[in-house]
Protein backbone atom coordinates (compact mmCIF):
# COMPACT_ATOMS: atom_id res chain seq x y z
CA MET A 1 5.88 14.86 15.39
CA SER A 2 4.88 14.82 11.74
CA THR A 3 2.04 13.31 9.74
CA TYR A 4 2.53 11.82 6.27
CA VAL A 5 -0.13 10.66 3.82
CA PHE A 6 0.64 8.44 0.82
CA VAL A 7 -2.19 9.07 -1.61
CA GLY A 8 -3.04 9.18 -5.31
CA PRO A 9 -6.41 8.79 -7.05
CA THR A 10 -8.56 7.97 -4.00
CA ILE A 11 -8.90 11.49 -2.59
CA SER A 12 -7.60 14.90 -3.62
CA GLU A 13 -4.88 16.85 -1.87
CA ASP A 14 -7.29 19.75 -1.26
CA GLN A 15 -9.77 17.47 0.51
CA ILE A 16 -7.04 16.12 2.77
CA LEU A 17 -5.72 19.58 3.63
CA SER A 18 -9.24 20.76 4.46
CA ILE A 19 -9.28 18.18 7.27
CA ILE A 20 -5.61 18.27 8.35
CA PRO A 21 -3.93 21.52 7.28
CA GLY A 22 -0.18 21.28 6.84
CA VAL A 23 0.00 17.49 6.54
CA ASN A 24 2.81 16.09 4.36
CA ILE A 25 1.24 14.62 1.22
CA LEU A 26 3.25 12.06 -0.74
CA PRO A 27 2.58 10.07 -3.94
CA PRO A 28 1.21 6.48 -3.83
CA ILE A 29 3.59 4.34 -1.83
CA GLN A 30 5.95 1.85 -3.43
CA ARG A 31 8.74 -0.40 -2.25
CA GLY A 32 11.33 1.50 -0.23
CA ASP A 33 9.32 4.69 0.32
CA LEU A 34 8.64 4.03 4.01
CA ILE A 35 12.32 3.35 4.65
CA ARG A 36 13.44 6.40 2.69
CA LEU A 37 10.99 8.52 4.70
CA ARG A 38 12.77 7.58 7.95
CA PRO A 39 9.86 8.50 10.25
CA HIS A 40 10.62 9.17 13.91
CA GLN A 41 8.95 7.88 17.04
CA GLY A 42 5.50 9.43 17.34
CA ASP A 43 5.18 10.27 13.66
CA VAL A 44 1.98 9.18 11.93
CA VAL A 45 1.99 7.61 8.47
CA LEU A 46 -1.29 7.06 6.64
CA ILE A 47 -1.11 4.73 3.65
CA ILE A 48 -4.07 5.16 1.31
CA ASP A 49 -2.85 4.45 -2.22
CA GLY A 50 0.08 2.36 -3.38
CA TYR A 51 1.42 0.68 -6.48
CA PHE A 52 0.59 -2.95 -7.24
CA GLY A 53 1.93 -3.96 -10.63
CA THR A 54 3.57 -1.10 -12.50
CA LYS A 55 6.05 -0.53 -9.64
CA PRO A 56 7.16 -2.80 -6.74
CA SER A 57 4.71 -2.75 -3.83
CA ILE A 58 5.55 -1.74 -0.28
CA GLN A 59 6.87 -4.75 1.61
CA HIS A 60 5.65 -5.98 4.96
CA MET A 61 9.11 -5.67 6.50
CA GLU A 62 9.04 -1.92 5.85
CA VAL A 63 5.89 -1.58 7.95
CA ILE A 64 7.38 -3.73 10.71
CA HIS A 65 10.53 -1.62 10.74
CA ALA A 66 8.55 1.65 11.04
CA ILE A 67 6.31 0.31 13.81
CA GLY A 68 9.36 -1.00 15.64
CA LYS A 69 10.73 2.55 15.70
CA GLY A 70 7.57 3.86 17.35
CA CYS A 71 5.87 5.21 14.22
CA VAL A 72 2.08 5.00 13.98
CA VAL A 73 1.23 3.33 10.66
CA ILE A 74 -2.40 3.46 9.50
CA GLY A 75 -3.94 1.95 6.38
CA CYS A 76 -7.26 2.39 4.60
CA SER A 77 -9.12 2.34 1.29
CA SER A 78 -6.66 0.72 -1.10
CA MET A 79 -3.12 -0.63 -0.63
CA GLY A 80 -3.33 0.72 2.91
CA ALA A 81 -6.39 -1.40 3.71
CA LEU A 82 -4.80 -4.49 2.20
CA ARG A 83 -1.54 -4.13 4.14
CA ALA A 84 -3.38 -3.26 7.36
CA SER A 85 -5.42 -6.47 7.13
CA GLU A 86 -2.15 -8.39 6.86
CA MET A 87 -0.22 -6.42 9.48
CA ASP A 88 -2.77 -5.49 12.17
CA LYS A 89 -1.43 -8.30 14.37
CA VAL A 90 1.87 -6.46 14.65
CA GLY A 91 0.51 -2.99 15.28
CA MET A 92 -0.60 -1.48 11.97
CA ILE A 93 -3.98 0.23 12.35
CA GLY A 94 -6.71 -0.49 9.82
CA VAL A 95 -9.57 1.95 9.27
CA GLY A 96 -12.80 1.66 7.28
CA GLU A 97 -15.11 -0.84 5.66
CA ILE A 98 -12.65 -1.96 2.98
CA TYR A 99 -10.11 -2.86 5.65
CA ASP A 100 -12.84 -4.86 7.43
CA MET A 101 -13.74 -6.62 4.17
CA TYR A 102 -10.13 -7.71 3.70
CA ARG A 103 -9.75 -8.65 7.37
CA THR A 104 -12.86 -10.84 7.40
CA GLY A 105 -12.23 -12.44 4.01
CA VAL A 106 -15.16 -10.87 2.15
CA ILE A 107 -12.57 -9.81 -0.44
CA ASP A 108 -9.01 -11.00 -0.86
CA GLY A 109 -7.59 -9.81 -4.19
CA ASP A 110 -5.53 -6.68 -4.67
CA ASP A 111 -7.49 -6.09 -7.89
CA GLU A 112 -10.56 -5.29 -5.75
CA VAL A 113 -9.19 -1.80 -5.09
CA ALA A 114 -7.12 -1.28 -8.25
CA VAL A 115 -8.02 1.50 -10.67
CA LEU A 116 -6.62 2.68 -13.98
CA HIS A 117 -5.51 6.30 -13.59
CA ASP A 118 -3.36 9.04 -15.02
CA GLU A 119 0.10 9.08 -13.45
CA GLU A 120 0.28 12.88 -13.29
CA ASN A 121 -3.14 14.16 -12.24
CA TYR A 122 -4.58 10.86 -10.92
CA ARG A 123 -7.69 11.12 -13.05
CA THR A 124 -9.37 7.70 -12.95
CA TYR A 125 -10.57 5.75 -15.97
CA SER A 126 -12.11 2.75 -14.18
CA GLU A 127 -14.11 1.90 -11.08
CA PRO A 128 -12.65 -0.25 -8.28
CA LEU A 129 -14.46 -3.55 -7.94
CA VAL A 130 -14.99 -2.97 -4.23
CA ASN A 131 -17.05 0.13 -5.03
CA ILE A 132 -19.08 -1.84 -7.57
CA ARG A 133 -19.72 -4.53 -4.95
CA VAL A 134 -21.01 -2.17 -2.29
CA ASN A 135 -23.23 -0.25 -4.71
CA LEU A 136 -24.76 -3.45 -6.12
CA ASP A 137 -25.46 -4.53 -2.52
CA ARG A 138 -27.30 -1.24 -2.04
CA ALA A 139 -29.19 -1.86 -5.28
CA VAL A 140 -30.27 -5.27 -3.96
CA ASP A 141 -31.51 -3.63 -0.74
CA LYS A 142 -33.58 -1.22 -2.85
CA GLY A 143 -35.10 -4.08 -4.84
CA LEU A 144 -33.47 -3.11 -8.12
CA LEU A 145 -32.02 -6.60 -8.68
CA SER A 146 -31.83 -9.97 -6.97
CA ARG A 147 -28.86 -11.20 -4.96
CA GLU A 148 -28.36 -13.98 -7.51
CA LEU A 149 -28.12 -11.50 -10.40
CA LYS A 150 -25.82 -9.32 -8.33
CA GLY A 151 -23.51 -12.32 -7.94
CA LYS A 152 -23.50 -12.90 -11.71
CA LEU A 153 -22.65 -9.27 -12.39
CA ILE A 154 -19.78 -9.33 -9.90
CA SER A 155 -18.44 -12.54 -11.44
CA ASN A 156 -18.57 -10.98 -14.90
CA MET A 157 -16.74 -7.87 -13.73
CA LYS A 158 -14.20 -9.92 -11.77
CA ARG A 159 -13.16 -11.74 -14.94
CA ARG A 160 -12.34 -8.43 -16.62
CA TRP A 161 -9.03 -6.60 -16.40
CA PHE A 162 -9.38 -3.96 -13.69
CA GLY A 163 -8.90 -1.15 -16.21
CA GLU A 164 -12.06 -2.23 -18.05
CA ARG A 165 -14.28 -2.14 -14.97
CA THR A 166 -16.61 0.84 -15.34
CA TYR A 167 -20.28 1.45 -14.57
CA GLU A 168 -20.87 1.73 -18.30
CA THR A 169 -19.47 -1.79 -18.76
CA LEU A 170 -21.58 -2.97 -15.82
CA ILE A 171 -24.80 -1.64 -17.38
CA ASN A 172 -23.93 -3.30 -20.69
CA GLU A 173 -23.55 -6.58 -18.81
CA CYS A 174 -26.95 -5.96 -17.18
CA ARG A 175 -28.62 -5.71 -20.55
CA LYS A 176 -27.46 -9.24 -21.35
CA LEU A 177 -29.21 -10.68 -18.28
CA PRO A 178 -32.94 -11.40 -17.90
CA ASP A 179 -35.10 -9.83 -15.20
CA VAL A 180 -32.93 -6.74 -14.74
CA ASN A 181 -34.14 -3.23 -15.40
CA ALA A 182 -30.84 -1.81 -16.64
CA GLU A 183 -32.24 1.71 -16.95
CA ASP A 184 -33.33 1.82 -13.30
CA LEU A 185 -29.97 0.49 -12.14
CA GLU A 186 -28.14 2.98 -14.34
CA ARG A 187 -30.18 5.85 -12.88
CA PHE A 188 -29.45 4.64 -9.35
CA LEU A 189 -25.71 4.45 -10.01
CA ASP A 190 -25.67 7.89 -11.64
CA LEU A 191 -27.47 9.57 -8.75
CA GLN A 192 -26.76 7.53 -5.63
CA ALA A 193 -23.56 5.51 -6.05
CA ILE A 194 -21.09 5.98 -3.21
CA ASP A 195 -17.30 6.00 -3.41
CA LEU A 196 -16.35 3.70 -0.54
CA LYS A 197 -12.62 4.18 -1.05
CA LYS A 198 -12.96 7.93 -0.63
CA LEU A 199 -15.32 7.59 2.35
CA ASP A 200 -12.84 5.29 4.12
CA SER A 201 -9.99 7.71 3.47
CA ILE A 202 -12.02 10.55 4.99
CA ARG A 203 -12.65 8.35 8.06
CA ALA A 204 -8.93 7.70 8.45
CA ILE A 205 -7.91 11.33 7.92
CA SER A 206 -10.57 12.49 10.38
CA LEU A 207 -9.36 9.95 12.95
CA ILE A 208 -5.85 11.39 12.70
CA ALA A 209 -7.18 14.95 13.02
CA GLU A 210 -9.16 14.02 16.14
CA THR A 211 -6.42 12.02 17.86
CA SER A 212 -3.85 14.01 19.83
CA GLN A 213 -2.03 11.07 21.38
CA TRP A 214 -1.57 7.53 20.12
CA ARG A 215 -1.02 4.66 22.49
CA MET A 216 1.35 2.55 20.45
CA PRO A 217 3.66 0.04 22.13
CA ILE A 218 7.30 0.06 21.06
CA ILE A 219 7.63 -3.42 19.60
CA GLN A 220 11.09 -4.93 19.26
CA PHE A 221 11.37 -7.05 16.13
CA PRO A 222 14.34 -9.31 15.34
CA LEU A 223 16.16 -7.99 12.29
CA THR A 224 17.02 -10.77 9.87
CA SER A 225 19.52 -10.45 7.08
CA PHE A 226 16.62 -9.81 4.68
CA ALA A 227 15.45 -6.87 6.79
CA TYR A 228 19.00 -5.55 7.03
CA HIS A 229 19.54 -5.72 3.28
CA LEU A 230 16.16 -4.12 2.54
CA VAL A 231 16.78 -1.11 4.76
CA GLN A 232 20.40 -0.78 3.72
CA GLU A 233 19.34 -0.79 0.06
CA PHE A 234 17.12 2.24 0.43
CA ASN A 235 19.35 4.01 2.95
CA ILE A 236 22.38 3.72 0.67
CA ALA A 237 20.56 4.78 -2.49
CA GLY A 238 20.58 8.52 -3.01
CA LYS A 239 22.57 11.19 -4.84
CA ASN A 240 26.25 11.91 -5.06
CA LYS A 241 27.85 15.34 -4.64
CA SER A 242 27.17 16.17 -8.27
CA GLY A 243 23.46 15.52 -7.79
CA HIS A 244 23.38 12.33 -9.86
CA SER A 245 21.18 9.54 -8.55
CA PHE A 246 22.75 6.22 -7.63
CA THR A 247 21.43 2.91 -6.30
CA VAL A 248 22.79 0.07 -4.20
CA ASP A 249 23.62 -1.75 -7.46
CA ASP A 250 25.84 1.17 -8.45
CA VAL A 251 27.65 0.85 -5.13
CA LEU A 252 28.18 -2.88 -5.67
CA ASN A 253 29.54 -2.27 -9.16
CA LEU A 254 32.05 0.22 -7.75
CA VAL A 255 33.15 -2.29 -5.11
CA ARG A 256 33.67 -4.89 -7.84
CA LEU A 257 36.08 -2.54 -9.57
CA LEU A 258 38.01 -1.44 -6.48
CA PHE A 259 38.48 -4.69 -4.57
CA ASP A 260 40.22 -7.72 -6.03
CA ASP A 261 38.71 -10.13 -3.51
CA PHE A 262 35.11 -9.08 -4.18
CA LYS A 263 34.36 -12.18 -6.28
CA GLU A 264 35.48 -14.60 -3.56
CA ALA A 265 33.63 -12.71 -0.82
CA TYR A 266 30.45 -12.55 -2.88
CA GLN A 267 30.62 -16.27 -3.68
CA GLU A 268 30.99 -17.05 0.02
CA VAL A 269 27.86 -15.02 0.83
CA CYS A 270 25.91 -16.83 -1.92
CA VAL A 271 26.98 -20.23 -0.59
CA GLN A 272 25.90 -19.27 2.93
CA TYR A 273 22.57 -18.05 1.58
CA HIS A 274 21.81 -21.26 -0.29
CA MET A 275 22.79 -23.30 2.79
CA GLY A 276 20.13 -21.39 4.71
CA GLN A 277 22.60 -19.67 7.03
CA GLU A 278 20.69 -16.46 7.68
CA ALA A 279 22.39 -13.97 9.98
CA VAL A 280 20.47 -12.03 12.59
CA VAL A 281 21.69 -8.58 13.62
CA THR A 282 20.73 -6.64 16.72
CA ASP A 283 19.12 -3.22 16.61
CA ASP A 284 22.33 -1.53 17.82
CA PHE A 285 24.41 -3.19 15.10
CA PHE A 286 21.74 -2.41 12.51
CA LEU A 287 21.92 1.30 13.25
CA SER A 288 25.67 1.62 13.74
CA PRO A 289 27.51 3.57 11.02
CA HIS A 290 30.29 0.96 10.82
CA ALA A 291 27.92 -1.97 10.15
CA THR A 292 29.48 -3.05 6.89
CA SER A 293 32.16 -5.67 7.43
CA GLY A 294 30.53 -9.04 7.99
CA SER A 295 27.01 -7.70 7.46
CA PRO A 296 24.51 -9.90 5.60
CA ALA A 297 24.38 -9.20 1.89
CA HIS A 298 21.41 -11.11 0.56
């Protein structure tokens, strides 16, 4: 059994390895990554960070497919917390306060956990709104500002692009409001602010380190034509013998050149799709190496 962690700016690789030595660390998850990973029954996948806008996000069907194969899928902190709040009914495990905030509706936007960061070293240039929320709540508890003013500050930050959300920007907003001691709040944030995303990731990593056996039911999900096409797309994509990358679109282009009846066959599939005739394939057919002729193509 293997453990995989999809992570980027939330927590460093060294911090993860200090808790679980030898774990497989992967970049922030994007569409197709979970399928390409091909985890086995009993493997554990922790999703912390993932792409939202710059690259296609991980799809729900990918999580369902992995869970259906007996893989333990856990989410926390960022994209992982968001997907776990949407998929916990089908077996994905959510960990941490941010997951709970999504699950209970305290927050609902993916921008709550988004940060602007360097693609290579994951250095961050902004603060996630969820961290700002929790630290302003703590400031309210300490009497540094009222709950009403806290609400105004959150509204002001929410209207900004996520890459502009910093504590420096927050303090500048404070100075525009009456009855707020911006200097005291700034001192509090400098010395006592917590990073909830990192804390939640540590909770999830520690849970994995402490758990020797997971009781996860093997759930059988019906595989629709959409699920078939999604998995086939990322199973077909790869490299040829010369080492050049190719995608499912490259395969389709080759078929167009080699087979005279491709146009008619493709048109038939499109007509069936628009008529709502969605095929359902069984698990055995889905995994069989000869599952090409007559397989759904949309």
